[in-house]
Amino acid sequence: MFKLSITLLGLMLLSTPALSQKYFGPGDKSCGTWTKDRHGDPAVAGLYDAWLLGFVSGVNTSETLSLNHPDILKRTDATGIMGWMDNYCASHPLDSVMSTVIKLIVELKNKAD
């Protein structure tokens, strides 16, 4: 039941204007820009890494502390997170970075159970 509710939540987030809330960082870029920038200047790639890892860590911390949800990062590491994001963005250059991060979080939640 928990997996179903997480999946439904993820689908709701992806299919509604809920992504219109304000956020900072590379989330407003396309996956095509993500891929180009991550393979360009190492300093920019480092900023993207820090943003993504901080965002995912923040979601994980918030949900484990305030909602008592499972640790979604328990079975992965920074290399796994970055690899997933790079692979997804390379295959879906028109998707937004923020919608892609939401998909990543939903996948991590599904595997955390």
N, C-alpha and C. Protein backbone atom coordinates (compact mmCIF):
# COMPACT_ATOMS: atom_id res chain seq x y z
N MET A 1 0.82 -1.20 0.00
CA MET A 1 0.00 0.00 0.00
C MET A 1 0.87 1.26 0.00
N PHE A 2 1.98 1.21 0.78
CA PHE A 2 2.86 2.38 0.86
C PHE A 2 3.46 2.70 -0.50
N LYS A 3 3.89 1.64 -1.24
CA LYS A 3 4.46 1.86 -2.58
C LYS A 3 3.44 2.51 -3.50
N LEU A 4 2.21 2.05 -3.41
CA LEU A 4 1.17 2.61 -4.26
C LEU A 4 0.95 4.09 -3.95
N SER A 5 0.91 4.45 -2.67
CA SER A 5 0.68 5.86 -2.33
C SER A 5 1.87 6.72 -2.75
N ILE A 6 3.10 6.21 -2.64
CA ILE A 6 4.28 6.96 -3.09
C ILE A 6 4.23 7.13 -4.60
N THR A 7 3.88 6.08 -5.31
CA THR A 7 3.79 6.16 -6.77
C THR A 7 2.73 7.16 -7.18
N LEU A 8 1.57 7.11 -6.53
CA LEU A 8 0.51 8.06 -6.85
C LEU A 8 0.93 9.49 -6.55
N LEU A 9 1.63 9.69 -5.43
CA LEU A 9 2.12 11.03 -5.10
C LEU A 9 3.07 11.52 -6.17
N GLY A 10 3.97 10.65 -6.59
CA GLY A 10 4.92 11.02 -7.64
C GLY A 10 4.22 11.38 -8.93
N LEU A 11 3.24 10.60 -9.31
CA LEU A 11 2.49 10.89 -10.53
C LEU A 11 1.74 12.20 -10.41
N MET A 12 1.19 12.47 -9.24
CA MET A 12 0.49 13.74 -9.03
C MET A 12 1.46 14.90 -9.17
N LEU A 13 2.65 14.77 -8.60
CA LEU A 13 3.63 15.85 -8.69
C LEU A 13 4.05 16.09 -10.14
N LEU A 14 4.14 15.03 -10.91
CA LEU A 14 4.58 15.16 -12.29
C LEU A 14 3.48 15.63 -13.22
N SER A 15 2.23 15.42 -12.84
CA SER A 15 1.15 15.74 -13.77
C SER A 15 0.35 16.98 -13.38
N THR A 16 0.76 17.67 -12.33
CA THR A 16 0.04 18.86 -11.91
C THR A 16 0.96 20.06 -11.95
N PRO A 17 0.40 21.24 -11.84
CA PRO A 17 1.23 22.43 -11.83
C PRO A 17 1.96 22.62 -10.49
N ALA A 18 2.05 21.58 -9.68
CA ALA A 18 2.73 21.68 -8.38
C ALA A 18 4.19 22.07 -8.56
N LEU A 19 4.75 21.80 -9.72
CA LEU A 19 6.14 22.17 -9.96
C LEU A 19 6.28 23.67 -10.23
N SER A 20 5.20 24.41 -10.08
CA SER A 20 5.28 25.84 -10.29
C SER A 20 5.77 26.57 -9.04
N GLN A 21 5.97 25.83 -7.93
CA GLN A 21 6.51 26.48 -6.75
C GLN A 21 7.94 26.92 -7.02
N LYS A 22 8.39 27.87 -6.24
CA LYS A 22 9.71 28.44 -6.45
C LYS A 22 10.80 27.52 -5.93
N TYR A 23 11.86 27.42 -6.68
CA TYR A 23 13.06 26.70 -6.27
C TYR A 23 14.26 27.38 -6.91
N PHE A 24 15.42 27.12 -6.36
CA PHE A 24 16.64 27.76 -6.84
C PHE A 24 17.57 26.71 -7.44
N GLY A 25 18.48 27.15 -8.26
CA GLY A 25 19.48 26.25 -8.82
C GLY A 25 19.13 25.78 -10.21
N PRO A 26 19.77 24.72 -10.65
CA PRO A 26 19.62 24.25 -12.03
C PRO A 26 18.31 23.55 -12.34
N GLY A 27 17.39 23.48 -11.40
CA GLY A 27 16.12 22.80 -11.64
C GLY A 27 15.32 23.35 -12.78
N ASP A 28 15.52 24.62 -13.13
CA ASP A 28 14.74 25.22 -14.22
C ASP A 28 15.36 25.00 -15.59
N LYS A 29 16.46 24.28 -15.65
CA LYS A 29 17.12 24.00 -16.93
C LYS A 29 16.56 22.73 -17.54
N SER A 30 16.86 22.52 -18.82
CA SER A 30 16.47 21.28 -19.48
C SER A 30 17.54 20.21 -19.22
N CYS A 31 17.15 18.98 -19.40
CA CYS A 31 18.12 17.89 -19.28
C CYS A 31 19.23 18.01 -20.34
N GLY A 32 18.89 18.55 -21.49
CA GLY A 32 19.91 18.77 -22.51
C GLY A 32 20.98 19.73 -22.03
N THR A 33 20.55 20.79 -21.36
CA THR A 33 21.51 21.75 -20.78
C THR A 33 22.30 21.09 -19.67
N TRP A 34 21.62 20.30 -18.83
CA TRP A 34 22.31 19.55 -17.77
C TRP A 34 23.46 18.72 -18.36
N THR A 35 23.15 17.95 -19.40
CA THR A 35 24.15 17.08 -20.00
C THR A 35 25.31 17.88 -20.58
N LYS A 36 25.00 18.94 -21.30
CA LYS A 36 26.04 19.77 -21.90
C LYS A 36 26.91 20.41 -20.83
N ASP A 37 26.29 20.99 -19.83
CA ASP A 37 27.03 21.67 -18.77
C ASP A 37 27.85 20.70 -17.92
N ARG A 38 27.30 19.52 -17.65
CA ARG A 38 28.01 18.54 -16.81
C ARG A 38 29.23 17.96 -17.50
N HIS A 39 29.23 17.98 -18.84
CA HIS A 39 30.38 17.47 -19.58
C HIS A 39 31.29 18.60 -20.07
N GLY A 40 31.02 19.81 -19.64
CA GLY A 40 31.82 20.97 -20.02
C GLY A 40 32.76 21.38 -18.91
N ASP A 41 32.53 22.52 -18.36
CA ASP A 41 33.36 23.11 -17.31
C ASP A 41 33.25 22.31 -16.02
N PRO A 42 34.35 21.78 -15.48
CA PRO A 42 34.31 21.01 -14.24
C PRO A 42 33.75 21.79 -13.04
N ALA A 43 33.95 23.10 -13.03
CA ALA A 43 33.41 23.90 -11.93
C ALA A 43 31.88 23.93 -11.98
N VAL A 44 31.33 24.05 -13.17
CA VAL A 44 29.87 24.04 -13.33
C VAL A 44 29.33 22.64 -12.98
N ALA A 45 30.02 21.61 -13.42
CA ALA A 45 29.61 20.24 -13.09
C ALA A 45 29.58 20.05 -11.57
N GLY A 46 30.57 20.59 -10.88
CA GLY A 46 30.60 20.50 -9.42
C GLY A 46 29.43 21.21 -8.77
N LEU A 47 29.04 22.34 -9.32
CA LEU A 47 27.87 23.06 -8.79
C LEU A 47 26.60 22.24 -8.99
N TYR A 48 26.45 21.63 -10.16
CA TYR A 48 25.29 20.79 -10.42
C TYR A 48 25.27 19.60 -9.46
N ASP A 49 26.44 18.98 -9.27
CA ASP A 49 26.54 17.85 -8.33
C ASP A 49 26.07 18.26 -6.94
N ALA A 50 26.61 19.37 -6.47
CA ALA A 50 26.27 19.83 -5.12
C ALA A 50 24.78 20.15 -5.01
N TRP A 51 24.22 20.78 -6.02
CA TRP A 51 22.80 21.11 -5.99
C TRP A 51 21.96 19.84 -5.92
N LEU A 52 22.21 18.88 -6.82
CA LEU A 52 21.41 17.66 -6.86
C LEU A 52 21.54 16.87 -5.56
N LEU A 53 22.77 16.67 -5.10
CA LEU A 53 22.97 15.88 -3.89
C LEU A 53 22.37 16.57 -2.68
N GLY A 54 22.46 17.89 -2.62
CA GLY A 54 21.84 18.64 -1.53
C GLY A 54 20.33 18.56 -1.58
N PHE A 55 19.76 18.66 -2.77
CA PHE A 55 18.30 18.60 -2.92
C PHE A 55 17.78 17.24 -2.47
N VAL A 56 18.37 16.17 -2.99
CA VAL A 56 17.92 14.82 -2.66
C VAL A 56 18.16 14.53 -1.17
N SER A 57 19.29 14.97 -0.65
CA SER A 57 19.56 14.78 0.79
C SER A 57 18.56 15.54 1.64
N GLY A 58 18.19 16.73 1.22
CA GLY A 58 17.21 17.53 1.96
C GLY A 58 15.85 16.87 1.98
N VAL A 59 15.41 16.35 0.83
CA VAL A 59 14.13 15.63 0.79
C VAL A 59 14.19 14.43 1.71
N ASN A 60 15.28 13.67 1.63
CA ASN A 60 15.43 12.48 2.46
C ASN A 60 15.40 12.84 3.95
N THR A 61 16.15 13.84 4.34
CA THR A 61 16.20 14.24 5.74
C THR A 61 14.83 14.72 6.22
N SER A 62 14.19 15.54 5.42
CA SER A 62 12.88 16.06 5.79
C SER A 62 11.87 14.93 5.99
N GLU A 63 11.85 14.00 5.07
CA GLU A 63 10.85 12.94 5.15
C GLU A 63 11.17 11.90 6.22
N THR A 64 12.44 11.62 6.47
CA THR A 64 12.76 10.65 7.52
C THR A 64 12.53 11.25 8.90
N LEU A 65 12.82 12.52 9.08
CA LEU A 65 12.65 13.15 10.39
C LEU A 65 11.21 13.55 10.67
N SER A 66 10.55 14.19 9.71
CA SER A 66 9.21 14.71 9.99
C SER A 66 8.10 13.72 9.69
N LEU A 67 8.30 12.81 8.74
CA LEU A 67 7.24 11.89 8.36
C LEU A 67 7.56 10.44 8.71
N ASN A 68 8.74 10.22 9.26
CA ASN A 68 9.18 8.88 9.65
C ASN A 68 9.18 7.90 8.47
N HIS A 69 9.49 8.40 7.27
CA HIS A 69 9.58 7.56 6.08
C HIS A 69 10.95 6.87 6.04
N PRO A 70 11.06 5.80 5.26
CA PRO A 70 12.35 5.12 5.15
C PRO A 70 13.41 6.02 4.52
N ASP A 71 14.67 5.72 4.83
CA ASP A 71 15.81 6.43 4.27
C ASP A 71 15.97 6.04 2.80
N ILE A 72 15.64 6.97 1.89
CA ILE A 72 15.68 6.64 0.46
C ILE A 72 17.10 6.57 -0.09
N LEU A 73 18.08 7.05 0.67
CA LEU A 73 19.46 7.04 0.19
C LEU A 73 20.28 5.88 0.76
N LYS A 74 19.64 5.05 1.55
CA LYS A 74 20.35 3.97 2.25
C LYS A 74 21.04 3.00 1.30
N ARG A 75 20.45 2.74 0.15
CA ARG A 75 20.99 1.74 -0.78
C ARG A 75 21.72 2.34 -1.98
N THR A 76 22.12 3.58 -1.88
CA THR A 76 22.84 4.20 -2.99
C THR A 76 23.92 5.11 -2.45
N ASP A 77 24.62 5.79 -3.35
CA ASP A 77 25.63 6.76 -2.96
C ASP A 77 25.63 7.89 -3.99
N ALA A 78 26.53 8.84 -3.80
CA ALA A 78 26.56 10.02 -4.68
C ALA A 78 26.83 9.61 -6.13
N THR A 79 27.70 8.64 -6.35
CA THR A 79 28.00 8.20 -7.72
C THR A 79 26.76 7.60 -8.37
N GLY A 80 25.98 6.82 -7.61
CA GLY A 80 24.75 6.24 -8.15
C GLY A 80 23.73 7.31 -8.51
N ILE A 81 23.58 8.30 -7.64
CA ILE A 81 22.63 9.39 -7.88
C ILE A 81 23.03 10.17 -9.14
N MET A 82 24.30 10.53 -9.23
CA MET A 82 24.76 11.31 -10.38
C MET A 82 24.66 10.49 -11.67
N GLY A 83 24.99 9.20 -11.59
CA GLY A 83 24.89 8.34 -12.77
C GLY A 83 23.47 8.22 -13.28
N TRP A 84 22.51 8.05 -12.33
CA TRP A 84 21.10 7.95 -12.72
C TRP A 84 20.67 9.22 -13.43
N MET A 85 21.02 10.35 -12.84
CA MET A 85 20.62 11.65 -13.40
C MET A 85 21.24 11.86 -14.78
N ASP A 86 22.53 11.58 -14.90
CA ASP A 86 23.21 11.76 -16.19
C ASP A 86 22.61 10.85 -17.26
N ASN A 87 22.34 9.59 -16.92
CA ASN A 87 21.76 8.65 -17.89
C ASN A 87 20.37 9.08 -18.31
N TYR A 88 19.56 9.48 -17.34
CA TYR A 88 18.20 9.90 -17.67
C TYR A 88 18.22 11.14 -18.56
N CYS A 89 19.00 12.12 -18.17
CA CYS A 89 19.04 13.37 -18.94
C CYS A 89 19.60 13.15 -20.35
N ALA A 90 20.56 12.26 -20.50
CA ALA A 90 21.10 11.97 -21.82
C ALA A 90 20.03 11.37 -22.73
N SER A 91 19.11 10.60 -22.15
CA SER A 91 18.04 9.96 -22.92
C SER A 91 16.80 10.82 -23.08
N HIS A 92 16.66 11.86 -22.27
CA HIS A 92 15.46 12.72 -22.27
C HIS A 92 15.86 14.20 -22.24
N PRO A 93 16.52 14.69 -23.28
CA PRO A 93 17.06 16.05 -23.23
C PRO A 93 16.02 17.17 -23.12
N LEU A 94 14.79 16.90 -23.46
CA LEU A 94 13.76 17.94 -23.39
C LEU A 94 13.08 18.05 -22.04
N ASP A 95 13.25 17.04 -21.18
CA ASP A 95 12.66 17.09 -19.85
C ASP A 95 13.35 18.16 -19.01
N SER A 96 12.63 18.69 -18.03
CA SER A 96 13.25 19.66 -17.13
C SER A 96 14.06 18.91 -16.07
N VAL A 97 15.06 19.56 -15.55
CA VAL A 97 15.87 18.96 -14.49
C VAL A 97 15.01 18.70 -13.27
N MET A 98 14.14 19.63 -12.90
CA MET A 98 13.32 19.45 -11.70
C MET A 98 12.38 18.26 -11.84
N SER A 99 11.72 18.11 -12.98
CA SER A 99 10.83 16.96 -13.14
C SER A 99 11.63 15.66 -13.11
N THR A 100 12.85 15.70 -13.60
CA THR A 100 13.71 14.52 -13.57
C THR A 100 14.12 14.18 -12.14
N VAL A 101 14.43 15.17 -11.35
CA VAL A 101 14.79 14.92 -9.94
C VAL A 101 13.60 14.33 -9.19
N ILE A 102 12.40 14.80 -9.49
CA ILE A 102 11.20 14.23 -8.86
C ILE A 102 11.07 12.76 -9.24
N LYS A 103 11.31 12.42 -10.50
CA LYS A 103 11.27 11.02 -10.93
C LYS A 103 12.32 10.20 -10.19
N LEU A 104 13.49 10.74 -10.03
CA LEU A 104 14.55 10.06 -9.28
C LEU A 104 14.12 9.80 -7.84
N ILE A 105 13.54 10.79 -7.20
CA ILE A 105 13.10 10.64 -5.81
C ILE A 105 12.01 9.59 -5.71
N VAL A 106 11.06 9.57 -6.64
CA VAL A 106 10.01 8.55 -6.64
C VAL A 106 10.63 7.17 -6.78
N GLU A 107 11.59 7.02 -7.68
CA GLU A 107 12.24 5.72 -7.86
C GLU A 107 12.99 5.30 -6.58
N LEU A 108 13.68 6.24 -5.96
CA LEU A 108 14.38 5.92 -4.71
C LEU A 108 13.40 5.52 -3.62
N LYS A 109 12.26 6.19 -3.55
CA LYS A 109 11.25 5.85 -2.55
C LYS A 109 10.70 4.45 -2.80
N ASN A 110 10.47 4.11 -4.04
CA ASN A 110 9.95 2.78 -4.36
C ASN A 110 10.93 1.68 -3.98
N LYS A 111 12.21 1.96 -4.06
CA LYS A 111 13.24 0.97 -3.72
C LYS A 111 13.57 0.95 -2.23
N ALA A 112 13.10 1.94 -1.49
CA ALA A 112 13.43 2.05 -0.06
C ALA A 112 12.58 1.13 0.80
N ASP A 113 11.49 0.65 0.28
CA ASP A 113 10.58 -0.20 1.09
C ASP A 113 11.16 -1.57 1.32
